[in-house]
Amino acid sequence: MAIRGSKPKSPGCSAVGMRPFLALAIMALLLLTLLTGCSSKKDSDVTTIRFVTWKPNQPEAWEKILSIFHQENPDLKIQREIGPHSSTAFHDLLTQKLKNKSRDVDVFFMDVIWPAEFAAAGWALPLDDFIAGQEREKFLEGAIFANTFENRLYGIPLFIDSGMLYYRKDLLQQYGFTPPVTWQEMVNTADKIVIGESKKANTIYGFSGQFKQYEGLVCNMMEYILSNNGMLVDRGKDVSAVTGKRAIEAVRFVRDQIIGVAAPVGVLAYQEPESLDLFIQGKAVFHRNWPYAWQISNDPQRSTIAGKVGIAKLPYFPGGKNYSTLGGWQLGISRYSEHKEAAWKFVQFLTSERIQKLLAITSGKAPTRRALYDDPEVLKENPHFRYMKEVFLSAYPRPVTPLYPALSNLLQRYFSTAIADKQSDIRGEAEDTSREMNKLLSMSK
């Protein structure tokens, strides 16, 4: 019997019936809130490190390195900006960003010749507070010295470079030659092998190097000049030395005996990749390059001459001695970075022993950590490290000055003009360049 004034309750709207639906709704709302909150928190906890780097020769190695870093550091994300392979072009890109105090740069690569410039300009962050003296001693002394300006450290060296002579081991053996000691011997050996191969309808050149107007040209030409007892800069007097007799003789040799003779005229447009391509295609007897070329030359997937490659110290002129230009790349942190601690964590990771070892094994990069030159796995993949260690330790640096980029531009222009034209007035070009160099050098006093 119904109570007067009341309405029958719908079974579907009863309090009891509402409970399961209400509970489910509340649970769904809580779950949605929780998931949304977690997602928001996760995004906000990730710090992006902007890494400005050049185009690598071995991209797969770098993909692996970054994958390891991301797995071990889920709170950090590396965002790469890949610049040009050329050191000169990469320098232009990077310095433009740093001049503008760009926040798009946290960590960046530096060529071995840049630390003084970046330090003097106030672009690079001093790293002394991040790395203890005991840790520094684990690196090659020369590599640390190259990153030091006015007694402060501005970069951590990742790998070191020095010029080396690669050669066709099979062809030298076939024609009865040993690796050349002097530059003239190299040219003569190459000439005889080229002639011999031409009789077999095999077109091959004697030599391949880097002679395009860029920083690599300075590296190559400095090796010729130093090995003839010449200099680029008289450090004792802090003046240009390009007008010296020995320096001019070396430049003339390159113009008259290398360009268009031992090497094709096309080397005037070659940087490292182009010059190496000629060699690994089996089209050159000798080749000048950095340590990384060993791995590529002996990779059957990339080289037609794998297993037929030898390596030696660069030749020299009579009365001189072997010289290799000191090269290599370092990691710096922008003074304008908003994430300096995170940036250091990334730099510390990249320059660690295990990552340098990975680069040595997979990419042929010569490490800057001393211990790796005694590592069996590194030496197995890079047996030349054992007997080329002396070259790495004694490689000759380019002039250390904040004004080096401007100095290099003058030298690039001079060398390019001098070797490209068989009728060039080398002495006249050298004297003009010397005057401009001395003006620059006087500014640094």
Protein backbone atom coordinates (compact mmCIF):
# COMPACT_ATOMS: atom_id res chain seq x y z
CA MET A 1 0.00 0.00 0.00
CA ALA A 2 1.45 3.33 -1.11
CA ILE A 3 1.99 6.09 1.36
CA ARG A 4 -0.16 9.08 0.63
CA GLY A 5 1.68 11.95 -1.05
CA SER A 6 4.66 9.88 -2.18
CA LYS A 7 5.59 8.56 -5.63
CA PRO A 8 6.79 5.08 -6.35
CA LYS A 9 10.59 5.00 -6.73
CA SER A 10 11.97 3.86 -10.02
CA PRO A 11 14.15 0.84 -9.44
CA GLY A 12 16.73 2.29 -11.85
CA CYS A 13 17.06 5.47 -9.82
CA SER A 14 17.36 3.97 -6.43
CA ALA A 15 20.34 4.82 -4.21
CA VAL A 16 21.37 1.20 -4.28
CA GLY A 17 21.23 1.10 -8.07
CA MET A 18 23.24 4.31 -8.38
CA ARG A 19 26.16 3.06 -6.34
CA PRO A 20 27.92 0.87 -8.95
CA PHE A 21 27.67 3.56 -11.63
CA LEU A 22 28.75 6.31 -9.26
CA ALA A 23 31.72 4.25 -8.09
CA LEU A 24 32.79 3.51 -11.64
CA ALA A 25 32.47 7.19 -12.59
CA ILE A 26 34.55 8.28 -9.63
CA MET A 27 37.19 5.66 -10.38
CA ALA A 28 37.35 6.72 -14.01
CA LEU A 29 37.67 10.36 -13.01
CA LEU A 30 40.44 9.56 -10.52
CA LEU A 31 42.25 7.44 -13.08
CA LEU A 32 42.00 10.15 -15.72
CA THR A 33 43.28 12.74 -13.25
CA LEU A 34 46.12 10.48 -12.21
CA LEU A 35 47.16 9.71 -15.77
CA THR A 36 46.91 13.35 -16.80
CA GLY A 37 48.93 14.40 -13.79
CA CYS A 38 51.63 11.80 -14.45
CA SER A 39 51.88 12.72 -18.09
CA SER A 40 52.17 16.42 -17.29
CA LYS A 41 54.76 15.79 -14.64
CA LYS A 42 56.80 13.55 -16.95
CA ASP A 43 56.90 16.17 -19.68
CA SER A 44 57.87 18.90 -17.27
CA ASP A 45 60.65 16.78 -15.76
CA VAL A 46 62.44 16.23 -19.10
CA THR A 47 65.27 18.68 -19.77
CA THR A 48 66.21 19.27 -23.40
CA ILE A 49 69.91 19.68 -24.14
CA ARG A 50 70.57 21.32 -27.47
CA PHE A 51 73.65 19.83 -29.08
CA VAL A 52 75.21 21.57 -32.10
CA THR A 53 77.34 19.08 -34.02
CA TRP A 54 78.78 18.51 -37.46
CA LYS A 55 77.64 15.85 -39.91
CA PRO A 56 79.37 12.66 -38.72
CA ASN A 57 81.23 10.24 -40.97
CA GLN A 58 79.72 7.32 -39.03
CA PRO A 59 76.10 8.31 -38.23
CA GLU A 60 75.23 4.82 -36.98
CA ALA A 61 77.81 5.11 -34.18
CA TRP A 62 76.30 8.37 -33.00
CA GLU A 63 72.79 6.99 -33.10
CA LYS A 64 73.94 4.18 -30.81
CA ILE A 65 75.69 6.61 -28.43
CA LEU A 66 72.65 8.84 -28.12
CA SER A 67 70.40 5.82 -27.63
CA ILE A 68 72.56 4.69 -24.69
CA PHE A 69 72.45 8.15 -23.16
CA HIS A 70 68.68 8.41 -23.43
CA GLN A 71 68.18 4.96 -21.91
CA GLU A 72 70.37 5.84 -18.94
CA ASN A 73 69.05 9.39 -18.57
CA PRO A 74 65.27 9.38 -19.17
CA ASP A 75 65.04 12.86 -17.65
CA LEU A 76 67.29 14.30 -20.37
CA LYS A 77 66.63 14.65 -24.09
CA ILE A 78 69.32 15.46 -26.65
CA GLN A 79 68.14 17.62 -29.50
CA ARG A 80 70.74 17.71 -32.25
CA GLU A 81 71.35 20.41 -34.80
CA ILE A 82 73.62 18.92 -37.42
CA GLY A 83 75.81 21.45 -39.20
CA PRO A 84 78.07 21.06 -42.25
CA HIS A 85 81.02 18.66 -42.32
CA SER A 86 83.50 21.41 -43.20
CA SER A 87 85.25 22.81 -40.13
CA THR A 88 85.19 26.31 -41.64
CA ALA A 89 81.46 26.24 -42.46
CA PHE A 90 80.62 24.68 -39.09
CA HIS A 91 82.62 27.41 -37.34
CA ASP A 92 80.58 30.08 -39.14
CA LEU A 93 77.31 28.45 -38.09
CA LEU A 94 78.32 28.00 -34.46
CA THR A 95 79.91 31.40 -33.90
CA GLN A 96 76.85 33.14 -35.31
CA LYS A 97 74.71 31.42 -32.69
CA LEU A 98 77.12 32.17 -29.86
CA LYS A 99 77.52 35.81 -30.90
CA ASN A 100 73.76 36.16 -30.64
CA LYS A 101 73.77 34.48 -27.19
CA SER A 102 71.39 31.91 -28.61
CA ARG A 103 69.54 29.67 -26.17
CA ASP A 104 69.50 27.02 -28.88
CA VAL A 105 73.04 25.94 -27.91
CA ASP A 106 73.95 24.06 -24.75
CA VAL A 107 76.73 21.71 -25.86
CA PHE A 108 78.80 22.11 -29.00
CA PHE A 109 81.76 20.60 -30.80
CA MET A 110 84.93 22.66 -31.11
CA ASP A 111 87.78 22.11 -33.51
CA VAL A 112 91.13 21.97 -31.71
CA ILE A 113 91.93 25.50 -32.92
CA TRP A 114 88.83 27.19 -31.45
CA PRO A 115 89.11 27.08 -27.62
CA ALA A 116 91.26 30.21 -27.36
CA GLU A 117 88.89 32.15 -29.61
CA PHE A 118 85.74 30.99 -27.82
CA ALA A 119 87.27 31.64 -24.41
CA ALA A 120 88.46 35.14 -25.29
CA ALA A 121 85.04 35.99 -26.74
CA GLY A 122 83.30 34.80 -23.58
CA TRP A 123 81.26 32.19 -25.42
CA ALA A 124 82.59 29.02 -23.81
CA LEU A 125 81.97 28.17 -20.17
CA PRO A 126 85.10 27.49 -18.06
CA LEU A 127 84.96 23.86 -16.99
CA ASP A 128 87.48 23.86 -14.13
CA ASP A 129 84.76 23.53 -11.50
CA PHE A 130 83.36 20.43 -13.20
CA ILE A 131 86.49 18.32 -13.65
CA ALA A 132 89.12 17.59 -11.01
CA GLY A 133 92.84 17.69 -11.71
CA GLN A 134 93.13 13.95 -11.14
CA GLU A 135 90.57 13.31 -13.89
CA ARG A 136 92.37 15.65 -16.30
CA GLU A 137 95.54 13.60 -15.96
CA LYS A 138 93.76 10.65 -17.58
CA PHE A 139 93.72 12.57 -20.87
CA LEU A 140 96.61 13.12 -23.28
CA GLU A 141 98.57 16.15 -22.17
CA GLY A 142 98.57 17.82 -25.58
CA ALA A 143 94.82 17.47 -25.90
CA ILE A 144 94.25 19.19 -22.54
CA PHE A 145 96.78 21.89 -23.40
CA ALA A 146 94.91 22.67 -26.62
CA ASN A 147 91.76 23.34 -24.59
CA THR A 148 93.44 25.60 -22.07
CA PHE A 149 93.48 29.38 -22.38
CA GLU A 150 94.96 31.68 -19.75
CA ASN A 151 95.18 28.74 -17.33
CA ARG A 152 91.50 27.81 -17.58
CA LEU A 153 89.95 24.80 -19.29
CA TYR A 154 87.25 25.44 -21.89
CA GLY A 155 86.78 22.09 -23.61
CA ILE A 156 87.01 18.35 -22.97
CA PRO A 157 88.76 16.48 -25.80
CA LEU A 158 86.76 13.62 -27.31
CA PHE A 159 89.20 12.35 -29.92
CA ILE A 160 92.53 13.40 -31.33
CA ASP A 161 93.61 13.57 -34.95
CA SER A 162 96.93 13.68 -36.72
CA GLY A 163 97.79 13.46 -40.37
CA MET A 164 98.79 10.00 -41.67
CA LEU A 165 99.84 8.50 -44.97
CA TYR A 166 97.63 5.69 -46.23
CA TYR A 167 98.89 3.57 -49.11
CA ARG A 168 97.99 0.61 -51.31
CA LYS A 169 99.97 -2.12 -49.61
CA ASP A 170 99.24 -4.58 -52.43
CA LEU A 171 100.46 -2.26 -55.18
CA LEU A 172 103.67 -1.28 -53.37
CA GLN A 173 104.49 -4.97 -52.85
CA GLN A 174 103.61 -5.84 -56.42
CA TYR A 175 105.96 -3.21 -57.84
CA GLY A 176 108.71 -3.80 -55.28
CA PHE A 177 108.43 -0.61 -53.23
CA THR A 178 108.41 0.15 -49.52
CA PRO A 179 106.48 3.05 -47.92
CA PRO A 180 108.15 6.31 -48.98
CA VAL A 181 110.27 8.32 -46.56
CA THR A 182 110.47 11.60 -48.48
CA TRP A 183 107.83 13.48 -50.45
CA GLN A 184 109.83 13.17 -53.66
CA GLU A 185 110.12 9.44 -53.12
CA MET A 186 106.34 9.27 -52.74
CA VAL A 187 105.84 11.11 -56.02
CA ASN A 188 108.37 8.92 -57.85
CA THR A 189 106.88 5.71 -56.47
CA ALA A 190 103.37 6.82 -57.35
CA ASP A 191 104.43 7.75 -60.89
CA LYS A 192 105.90 4.32 -61.58
CA ILE A 193 102.86 2.51 -60.24
CA VAL A 194 100.46 4.73 -62.20
CA ILE A 195 102.39 4.02 -65.41
CA GLY A 196 102.46 0.31 -64.66
CA GLU A 197 98.73 0.19 -64.00
CA SER A 198 97.94 2.20 -67.13
CA LYS A 199 99.48 -0.60 -69.19
CA LYS A 200 96.80 -2.83 -67.70
CA ALA A 201 94.12 -0.31 -68.68
CA ASN A 202 93.67 0.57 -65.02
CA THR A 203 93.31 4.32 -64.46
CA ILE A 204 94.71 5.30 -61.08
CA TYR A 205 96.19 8.46 -59.57
CA GLY A 206 99.27 8.73 -57.41
CA PHE A 207 97.92 10.71 -54.47
CA SER A 208 94.78 12.10 -52.86
CA GLY A 209 94.60 14.77 -50.16
CA GLN A 210 92.60 17.78 -48.99
CA PHE A 211 93.31 20.93 -50.99
CA LYS A 212 90.02 22.80 -51.12
CA GLN A 213 90.08 26.31 -49.67
CA TYR A 214 89.07 25.50 -46.09
CA GLU A 215 90.78 24.65 -42.79
CA GLY A 216 91.89 21.24 -44.05
CA LEU A 217 94.07 22.98 -46.64
CA VAL A 218 96.02 24.71 -43.85
CA CYS A 219 96.50 21.34 -42.12
CA ASN A 220 97.85 19.72 -45.27
CA MET A 221 100.11 22.58 -46.27
CA MET A 222 101.51 22.99 -42.76
CA GLU A 223 102.73 19.40 -42.89
CA TYR A 224 104.67 20.08 -46.08
CA ILE A 225 106.13 23.32 -44.74
CA LEU A 226 107.13 21.96 -41.32
CA SER A 227 108.67 18.84 -42.86
CA ASN A 228 110.93 21.16 -44.90
CA ASN A 229 112.07 23.00 -41.75
CA GLY A 230 109.76 25.91 -42.52
CA MET A 231 107.11 27.58 -40.35
CA LEU A 232 103.81 29.43 -40.61
CA VAL A 233 104.51 31.71 -37.66
CA ASP A 234 107.82 32.42 -35.93
CA ARG A 235 106.61 31.96 -32.38
CA GLY A 236 109.70 33.51 -30.87
CA LYS A 237 109.11 36.73 -32.76
CA ASP A 238 105.34 36.35 -33.11
CA VAL A 239 105.49 37.23 -36.80
CA SER A 240 104.59 35.49 -40.04
CA ALA A 241 107.15 33.08 -41.47
CA VAL A 242 105.44 32.17 -44.74
CA THR A 243 107.99 34.14 -46.76
CA GLY A 244 110.84 31.95 -45.55
CA LYS A 245 112.81 30.05 -48.19
CA ARG A 246 111.85 26.64 -46.82
CA ALA A 247 108.18 27.50 -46.62
CA ILE A 248 108.07 28.75 -50.19
CA GLU A 249 109.95 25.68 -51.45
CA ALA A 250 107.34 23.43 -49.86
CA VAL A 251 104.43 25.35 -51.39
CA ARG A 252 106.12 25.24 -54.80
CA PHE A 253 106.56 21.47 -54.48
CA VAL A 254 102.84 21.00 -53.87
CA ARG A 255 101.97 23.22 -56.84
CA ASP A 256 104.44 21.60 -59.26
CA GLN A 257 104.59 17.98 -58.08
CA ILE A 258 101.26 17.23 -56.41
CA ILE A 259 98.40 19.21 -58.00
CA GLY A 260 97.65 17.85 -61.47
CA VAL A 261 100.71 15.59 -61.35
CA ALA A 262 100.68 13.02 -58.53
CA ALA A 263 97.11 14.00 -57.70
CA PRO A 264 94.26 14.92 -60.06
CA VAL A 265 93.45 18.60 -60.47
CA GLY A 266 90.14 17.81 -58.83
CA VAL A 267 91.80 17.65 -55.39
CA LEU A 268 91.56 21.45 -55.37
CA ALA A 269 87.90 20.86 -54.50
CA TYR A 270 88.45 17.93 -52.12
CA GLN A 271 87.80 17.86 -48.41
CA GLU A 272 88.17 14.66 -46.35
CA PRO A 273 85.15 12.74 -47.71
CA GLU A 274 85.91 13.37 -51.39
CA SER A 275 89.62 12.59 -51.06
CA LEU A 276 88.87 9.39 -49.15
CA ASP A 277 86.28 8.29 -51.70
CA LEU A 278 88.91 8.39 -54.44
CA PHE A 279 91.20 6.19 -52.36
CA ILE A 280 88.65 3.58 -51.26
CA GLN A 281 87.41 3.28 -54.85
CA GLY A 282 90.89 2.03 -55.69
CA LYS A 283 91.77 5.15 -57.66
CA ALA A 284 94.80 6.41 -55.69
CA VAL A 285 98.08 4.85 -54.57
CA PHE A 286 98.67 7.20 -51.61
CA HIS A 287 96.28 9.17 -49.46
CA ARG A 288 96.66 11.68 -46.64
CA ASN A 289 93.92 11.65 -43.99
CA TRP A 290 93.10 11.41 -40.28
CA PRO A 291 92.89 8.18 -38.21
CA TYR A 292 89.17 7.58 -38.89
CA ALA A 293 89.98 6.69 -42.52
CA TRP A 294 91.52 3.39 -41.41
CA GLN A 295 88.16 1.87 -40.45
CA ILE A 296 86.45 3.01 -43.63
CA SER A 297 89.31 1.93 -45.89
CA ASN A 298 89.18 -1.59 -44.46
CA ASP A 299 85.40 -1.96 -44.39
CA PRO A 300 84.38 -4.34 -47.23
CA GLN A 301 80.94 -2.77 -47.28
CA ARG A 302 82.38 0.66 -48.11
CA SER A 303 85.81 0.07 -49.61
CA THR A 304 86.96 -1.80 -52.72
CA ILE A 305 90.47 -2.05 -51.26
CA ALA A 306 89.66 -3.49 -47.81
CA GLY A 307 92.61 -5.52 -46.52
CA LYS A 308 94.98 -3.90 -49.01
CA VAL A 309 95.69 -0.74 -47.04
CA GLY A 310 98.86 0.19 -45.19
CA ILE A 311 99.56 3.18 -42.99
CA ALA A 312 102.76 5.13 -42.28
CA LYS A 313 104.06 8.42 -41.00
CA LEU A 314 103.86 11.30 -43.44
CA PRO A 315 106.97 11.84 -45.57
CA TYR A 316 109.38 14.76 -45.22
CA PHE A 317 111.90 16.66 -47.31
CA PRO A 318 115.65 15.94 -47.19
CA GLY A 319 117.10 17.46 -44.04
CA GLY A 320 113.67 17.66 -42.41
CA LYS A 321 111.57 15.25 -40.36
CA ASN A 322 108.03 13.90 -40.12
CA TYR A 323 105.33 16.30 -38.98
CA SER A 324 101.62 15.75 -38.52
CA THR A 325 99.13 18.51 -37.85
CA LEU A 326 97.37 18.22 -34.50
CA GLY A 327 93.67 17.86 -35.05
CA GLY A 328 90.75 16.63 -33.06
CA TRP A 329 87.43 17.70 -31.63
CA GLN A 330 86.41 18.84 -28.18
CA LEU A 331 83.13 19.42 -26.42
CA GLY A 332 82.30 22.80 -24.96
CA ILE A 333 79.36 24.24 -23.05
CA SER A 334 77.81 27.57 -23.94
CA ARG A 335 78.15 30.26 -21.30
CA TYR A 336 74.56 31.18 -22.16
CA SER A 337 73.15 27.69 -21.56
CA GLU A 338 70.20 27.53 -19.18
CA HIS A 339 71.02 23.90 -18.32
CA LYS A 340 74.73 23.92 -17.48
CA GLU A 341 74.63 20.99 -15.04
CA ALA A 342 72.67 18.82 -17.48
CA ALA A 343 74.99 19.89 -20.29
CA TRP A 344 78.01 18.81 -18.25
CA LYS A 345 76.40 15.43 -17.62
CA PHE A 346 76.17 14.93 -21.37
CA VAL A 347 79.77 16.09 -21.96
CA GLN A 348 81.00 13.83 -19.17
CA PHE A 349 79.16 10.89 -20.74
CA LEU A 350 80.52 11.50 -24.25
CA THR A 351 84.13 11.88 -23.11
CA SER A 352 84.00 8.90 -20.76
CA GLU A 353 86.33 5.95 -21.30
CA ARG A 354 83.54 3.61 -22.46
CA ILE A 355 82.21 6.01 -25.12
CA GLN A 356 85.69 6.87 -26.37
CA LYS A 357 86.33 3.14 -26.57
CA LEU A 358 83.12 2.65 -28.54
CA LEU A 359 84.15 5.39 -30.97
CA ALA A 360 87.63 3.91 -31.32
CA ILE A 361 86.28 0.44 -32.08
CA THR A 362 83.37 1.40 -34.33
CA SER A 363 84.69 4.55 -35.99
CA GLY A 364 88.48 4.45 -35.72
CA LYS A 365 88.60 7.64 -33.65
CA ALA A 366 91.87 8.01 -31.76
CA PRO A 367 90.95 8.43 -28.07
CA THR A 368 92.17 11.21 -25.82
CA ARG A 369 92.21 8.99 -22.73
CA ARG A 370 95.63 7.45 -22.17
CA ALA A 371 94.40 4.09 -20.87
CA LEU A 372 92.69 3.19 -24.14
CA TYR A 373 96.02 2.95 -25.98
CA ASP A 374 96.69 -0.21 -23.96
CA ASP A 375 93.18 -1.63 -24.34
CA PRO A 376 93.30 -5.00 -26.18
CA GLU A 377 89.92 -4.52 -27.86
CA VAL A 378 90.83 -1.06 -29.14
CA LEU A 379 94.18 -2.29 -30.47
CA LYS A 380 92.56 -5.31 -32.12
CA GLU A 381 90.35 -3.05 -34.23
CA ASN A 382 93.02 -0.37 -34.64
CA PRO A 383 96.43 -2.10 -34.69
CA HIS A 384 97.97 1.05 -36.13
CA PHE A 385 97.29 2.85 -32.83
CA ARG A 386 100.12 0.81 -31.33
CA TYR A 387 102.84 2.15 -33.62
CA MET A 388 101.19 5.49 -34.44
CA LYS A 389 100.84 6.44 -30.77
CA GLU A 390 104.01 8.50 -31.06
CA VAL A 391 102.40 10.51 -33.85
CA PHE A 392 99.36 11.26 -31.68
CA LEU A 393 101.54 12.35 -28.79
CA SER A 394 103.77 14.63 -30.87
CA ALA A 395 101.30 16.08 -33.41
CA TYR A 396 102.06 19.75 -34.08
CA PRO A 397 99.46 22.38 -33.14
CA ARG A 398 98.44 25.27 -35.33
CA PRO A 399 99.15 28.77 -33.95
CA VAL A 400 97.34 29.17 -30.61
CA THR A 401 95.69 32.58 -30.64
CA PRO A 402 92.14 33.96 -30.35
CA LEU A 403 92.76 35.47 -33.78
CA TYR A 404 93.44 32.13 -35.41
CA PRO A 405 90.24 32.01 -37.53
CA ALA A 406 91.21 35.29 -39.20
CA LEU A 407 94.79 34.06 -39.55
CA SER A 408 93.56 30.83 -41.11
CA ASN A 409 91.41 32.70 -43.64
CA LEU A 410 94.50 34.52 -44.85
CA LEU A 411 96.48 31.28 -45.09
CA GLN A 412 93.67 29.47 -46.88
CA ARG A 413 93.45 32.19 -49.50
CA TYR A 414 97.22 32.26 -49.96
CA PHE A 415 97.67 28.50 -50.28
CA SER A 416 94.69 28.11 -52.59
CA THR A 417 95.92 30.85 -54.94
CA ALA A 418 99.51 29.62 -54.87
CA ILE A 419 98.86 25.95 -55.70
CA ALA A 420 95.94 26.31 -58.11
CA ASP A 421 97.79 28.29 -60.78
CA LYS A 422 100.99 26.83 -62.25
CA GLN A 423 102.10 30.37 -63.11
CA SER A 424 101.37 31.84 -59.68
CA ASP A 425 103.84 34.24 -58.11
CA ILE A 426 104.30 32.30 -54.88
CA ARG A 427 106.77 34.71 -53.32
CA GLY A 428 104.63 37.73 -54.15
CA GLU A 429 101.52 36.03 -52.73
CA ALA A 430 103.49 35.03 -49.63
CA GLU A 431 104.72 38.56 -49.04
CA ASP A 432 101.22 40.02 -49.36
CA THR A 433 99.88 37.38 -46.97
CA SER A 434 102.72 37.97 -44.54
CA ARG A 435 101.94 41.68 -44.27
CA GLU A 436 98.30 40.96 -43.47
CA MET A 437 99.24 38.23 -40.99
CA ASN A 438 101.65 40.51 -39.16
CA LYS A 439 98.94 43.14 -38.77
CA LEU A 440 96.73 40.52 -37.15
CA LEU A 441 99.46 39.13 -34.94
CA SER A 442 100.35 42.60 -33.69
CA MET A 443 96.77 42.93 -32.37
CA SER A 444 97.27 39.98 -30.01
CA LYS A 445 100.32 41.47 -28.29
